Amino acid sequence: MSYYKCEFPNCDYESDELGSFDSHHIIPKSKGGSDRAFNRIRLCPNCHRKIYIEDFTGGIHSIKKDNSIIILGKIVSSDGDVLYYHKCSDNKEYYWFNNSRDEELVE
C-alpha cells in the first residue's frame, strides 16, 4: 500500500513518492491565499489539470471542462479531511471524505 494518495474525488492514484504529486492552493496565492497546509491539497498531475478557478486568467486553471471541479473549501479534522466542491458536469455541490473515499451530494 502506498503512503500518499491523490485528494481529488474518485481518483485512485497513489504513490510512495511525494514528489509525484502537485500541491494545489485552494485559494490561489495571487488572490491572497495562504501557503500553509490548510489551503493546499495533494493532487496527481492529471487531476490537477481538472481544477477550474473562476476569474483566473491564464494557465491550466482558467480552462473549464465537463470533468472540471471548483473547490469551495476544505475542512481539516483529526477524523480526516473533507473537500467541499462543485462539479461542472452536473452543476451540483459535493463533499468528499478523504479518509473513507466517499462522495456525498450536498442537499
C-alpha atoms as a PDB file:
ATOM      1  CA  MET A   1       0.000   0.000   0.000  1.00  0.00           C
ATOM      2  CA  SER A   2       1.289   3.441  -0.940  1.00  0.00           C
ATOM      3  CA  TYR A   3       1.650   6.167   1.631  1.00  0.00           C
ATOM      4  CA  TYR A   4       0.385   9.126  -0.449  1.00  0.00           C
ATOM      5  CA  LYS A   5      -2.960   9.382  -2.298  1.00  0.00           C
ATOM      6  CA  CYS A   6      -4.393  11.949  -4.672  1.00  0.00           C
ATOM      7  CA  GLU A   7      -7.009  14.038  -2.847  1.00  0.00           C
ATOM      8  CA  PHE A   8      -9.144  14.600  -5.950  1.00  0.00           C
ATOM      9  CA  PRO A   9     -12.585  12.977  -5.638  1.00  0.00           C
ATOM     10  CA  ASN A  10     -12.762   9.421  -7.005  1.00  0.00           C
ATOM     11  CA  CYS A  11      -9.109   9.299  -8.058  1.00  0.00           C
ATOM     12  CA  ASP A  12      -7.281   6.083  -7.166  1.00  0.00           C
ATOM     13  CA  TYR A  13      -3.768   7.368  -7.877  1.00  0.00           C
ATOM     14  CA  GLU A  14      -1.322   6.656  -5.070  1.00  0.00           C
ATOM     15  CA  SER A  15       2.446   6.612  -4.720  1.00  0.00           C
ATOM     16  CA  ASP A  16       5.240   6.214  -2.217  1.00  0.00           C
ATOM     17  CA  GLU A  17       6.881   9.311  -3.741  1.00  0.00           C
ATOM     18  CA  LEU A  18       5.539  12.674  -2.545  1.00  0.00           C
ATOM     19  CA  GLY A  19       7.338  14.289  -5.484  1.00  0.00           C
ATOM     20  CA  SER A  20       4.936  12.604  -7.920  1.00  0.00           C
ATOM     21  CA  PHE A  21       2.144  14.925  -6.689  1.00  0.00           C
ATOM     22  CA  ASP A  22       1.350  18.601  -7.175  1.00  0.00           C
ATOM     23  CA  SER A  23       0.408  20.848  -4.265  1.00  0.00           C
ATOM     24  CA  HIS A  24      -2.655  22.888  -5.271  1.00  0.00           C
ATOM     25  CA  HIS A  25      -3.604  26.082  -3.434  1.00  0.00           C
ATOM     26  CA  ILE A  26      -7.377  26.151  -2.814  1.00  0.00           C
ATOM     27  CA  ILE A  27      -7.320  29.951  -2.665  1.00  0.00           C
ATOM     28  CA  PRO A  28      -4.553  30.952  -5.086  1.00  0.00           C
ATOM     29  CA  LYS A  29      -1.632  32.826  -3.605  1.00  0.00           C
ATOM     30  CA  SER A  30      -2.216  35.513  -6.243  1.00  0.00           C
ATOM     31  CA  LYS A  31      -5.652  36.073  -4.658  1.00  0.00           C
ATOM     32  CA  GLY A  32      -4.314  36.272  -1.101  1.00  0.00           C
ATOM     33  CA  GLY A  33      -4.331  32.549  -0.277  1.00  0.00           C
ATOM     34  CA  SER A  34      -2.002  31.119   2.330  1.00  0.00           C
ATOM     35  CA  ASP A  35       0.869  28.751   1.594  1.00  0.00           C
ATOM     36  CA  ARG A  36       0.026  26.756   4.738  1.00  0.00           C
ATOM     37  CA  ALA A  37      -1.270  23.171   4.640  1.00  0.00           C
ATOM     38  CA  PHE A  38      -4.922  24.082   5.326  1.00  0.00           C
ATOM     39  CA  ASN A  39      -5.023  25.897   1.963  1.00  0.00           C
ATOM     40  CA  ARG A  40      -3.423  23.127  -0.100  1.00  0.00           C
ATOM     41  CA  ILE A  41      -4.428  19.726  -1.386  1.00  0.00           C
ATOM     42  CA  ARG A  42      -2.220  16.997  -2.847  1.00  0.00           C
ATOM     43  CA  LEU A  43      -3.147  16.116  -6.445  1.00  0.00           C
ATOM     44  CA  CYS A  44      -1.730  13.859  -9.124  1.00  0.00           C
ATOM     45  CA  PRO A  45      -0.760  15.905 -12.226  1.00  0.00           C
ATOM     46  CA  ASN A  46      -3.737  14.582 -14.225  1.00  0.00           C
ATOM     47  CA  CYS A  47      -6.294  15.682 -11.608  1.00  0.00           C
ATOM     48  CA  HIS A  48      -4.535  18.988 -11.035  1.00  0.00           C
ATOM     49  CA  ARG A  49      -5.448  19.922 -14.630  1.00  0.00           C
ATOM     50  CA  LYS A  50      -9.161  19.370 -13.786  1.00  0.00           C
ATOM     51  CA  ILE A  51      -9.305  22.203 -11.243  1.00  0.00           C
ATOM     52  CA  TYR A  52     -11.130  25.286 -12.508  1.00  0.00           C
ATOM     53  CA  ILE A  53     -10.829  28.658 -10.771  1.00  0.00           C
ATOM     54  CA  GLU A  54     -13.396  31.303 -11.688  1.00  0.00           C
ATOM     55  CA  ASP A  55     -11.967  34.666 -12.748  1.00  0.00           C
ATOM     56  CA  PHE A  56      -8.488  33.146 -13.105  1.00  0.00           C
ATOM     57  CA  THR A  57      -6.617  34.359 -16.152  1.00  0.00           C
ATOM     58  CA  GLY A  58      -4.073  32.197 -17.881  1.00  0.00           C
ATOM     59  CA  GLY A  59      -2.760  28.747 -17.088  1.00  0.00           C
ATOM     60  CA  ILE A  60      -4.453  25.388 -16.679  1.00  0.00           C
ATOM     61  CA  HIS A  61      -6.958  26.577 -14.070  1.00  0.00           C
ATOM     62  CA  SER A  62      -8.614  29.052 -16.443  1.00  0.00           C
ATOM     63  CA  ILE A  63      -9.964  26.261 -18.683  1.00  0.00           C
ATOM     64  CA  LYS A  64     -13.397  24.922 -17.701  1.00  0.00           C
ATOM     65  CA  LYS A  65     -14.258  21.412 -18.959  1.00  0.00           C
ATOM     66  CA  ASP A  66     -17.074  18.924 -18.272  1.00  0.00           C
ATOM     67  CA  ASN A  67     -14.852  16.979 -15.855  1.00  0.00           C
ATOM     68  CA  SER A  68     -13.674  20.111 -14.015  1.00  0.00           C
ATOM     69  CA  ILE A  69     -14.402  20.860 -10.384  1.00  0.00           C
ATOM     70  CA  ILE A  70     -14.377  24.128  -8.478  1.00  0.00           C
ATOM     71  CA  ILE A  71     -13.012  23.703  -4.967  1.00  0.00           C
ATOM     72  CA  LEU A  72     -15.150  25.628  -2.495  1.00  0.00           C
ATOM     73  CA  GLY A  73     -13.354  24.686   0.704  1.00  0.00           C
ATOM     74  CA  LYS A  74     -11.538  22.118   2.792  1.00  0.00           C
ATOM     75  CA  ILE A  75     -12.250  21.048   6.362  1.00  0.00           C
ATOM     76  CA  VAL A  76      -9.280  19.643   8.253  1.00  0.00           C
ATOM     77  CA  SER A  77     -10.050  17.373  11.201  1.00  0.00           C
ATOM     78  CA  SER A  78      -8.492  14.544  13.177  1.00  0.00           C
ATOM     79  CA  ASP A  79     -11.004  12.171  11.543  1.00  0.00           C
ATOM     80  CA  GLY A  80      -9.741  13.072   8.069  1.00  0.00           C
ATOM     81  CA  ASP A  81     -10.064  15.929   5.630  1.00  0.00           C
ATOM     82  CA  VAL A  82     -13.312  16.810   3.857  1.00  0.00           C
ATOM     83  CA  LEU A  83     -13.257  18.577   0.497  1.00  0.00           C
ATOM     84  CA  TYR A  84     -16.244  20.741  -0.474  1.00  0.00           C
ATOM     85  CA  TYR A  85     -16.558  21.247  -4.240  1.00  0.00           C
ATOM     86  CA  HIS A  86     -18.767  21.963  -7.235  1.00  0.00           C
ATOM     87  CA  LYS A  87     -18.896  19.557 -10.200  1.00  0.00           C
ATOM     88  CA  CYS A  88     -19.131  21.327 -13.544  1.00  0.00           C
ATOM     89  CA  SER A  89     -20.629  18.188 -15.153  1.00  0.00           C
ATOM     90  CA  ASP A  90     -23.898  18.267 -13.179  1.00  0.00           C
ATOM     91  CA  ASN A  91     -23.758  21.740 -11.607  1.00  0.00           C
ATOM     92  CA  LYS A  92     -24.118  20.338  -8.055  1.00  0.00           C
ATOM     93  CA  GLU A  93     -22.066  20.582  -4.876  1.00  0.00           C
ATOM     94  CA  TYR A  94     -20.472  17.631  -3.079  1.00  0.00           C
ATOM     95  CA  TYR A  95     -18.454  16.636  -0.047  1.00  0.00           C
ATOM     96  CA  TRP A  96     -15.511  14.235  -0.475  1.00  0.00           C
ATOM     97  CA  PHE A  97     -14.456  12.393   2.671  1.00  0.00           C
ATOM     98  CA  ASN A  98     -10.778  11.648   2.167  1.00  0.00           C
ATOM     99  CA  ASN A  99     -10.441   9.025   4.910  1.00  0.00           C
ATOM    100  CA  SER A 100     -13.334   6.858   3.657  1.00  0.00           C
ATOM    101  CA  ARG A 101     -13.084   7.928  -0.020  1.00  0.00           C
ATOM    102  CA  ASP A 102     -16.869   8.526  -0.094  1.00  0.00           C
ATOM    103  CA  GLU A 103     -18.659  11.222  -2.061  1.00  0.00           C
ATOM    104  CA  GLU A 104     -21.869  12.800  -0.777  1.00  0.00           C
ATOM    105  CA  LEU A 105     -24.238  15.204  -2.527  1.00  0.00           C
ATOM    106  CA  VAL A 106     -24.915  18.416  -0.586  1.00  0.00           C
ATOM    107  CA  GLU A 107     -28.674  18.695  -0.082  1.00  0.00           C
END
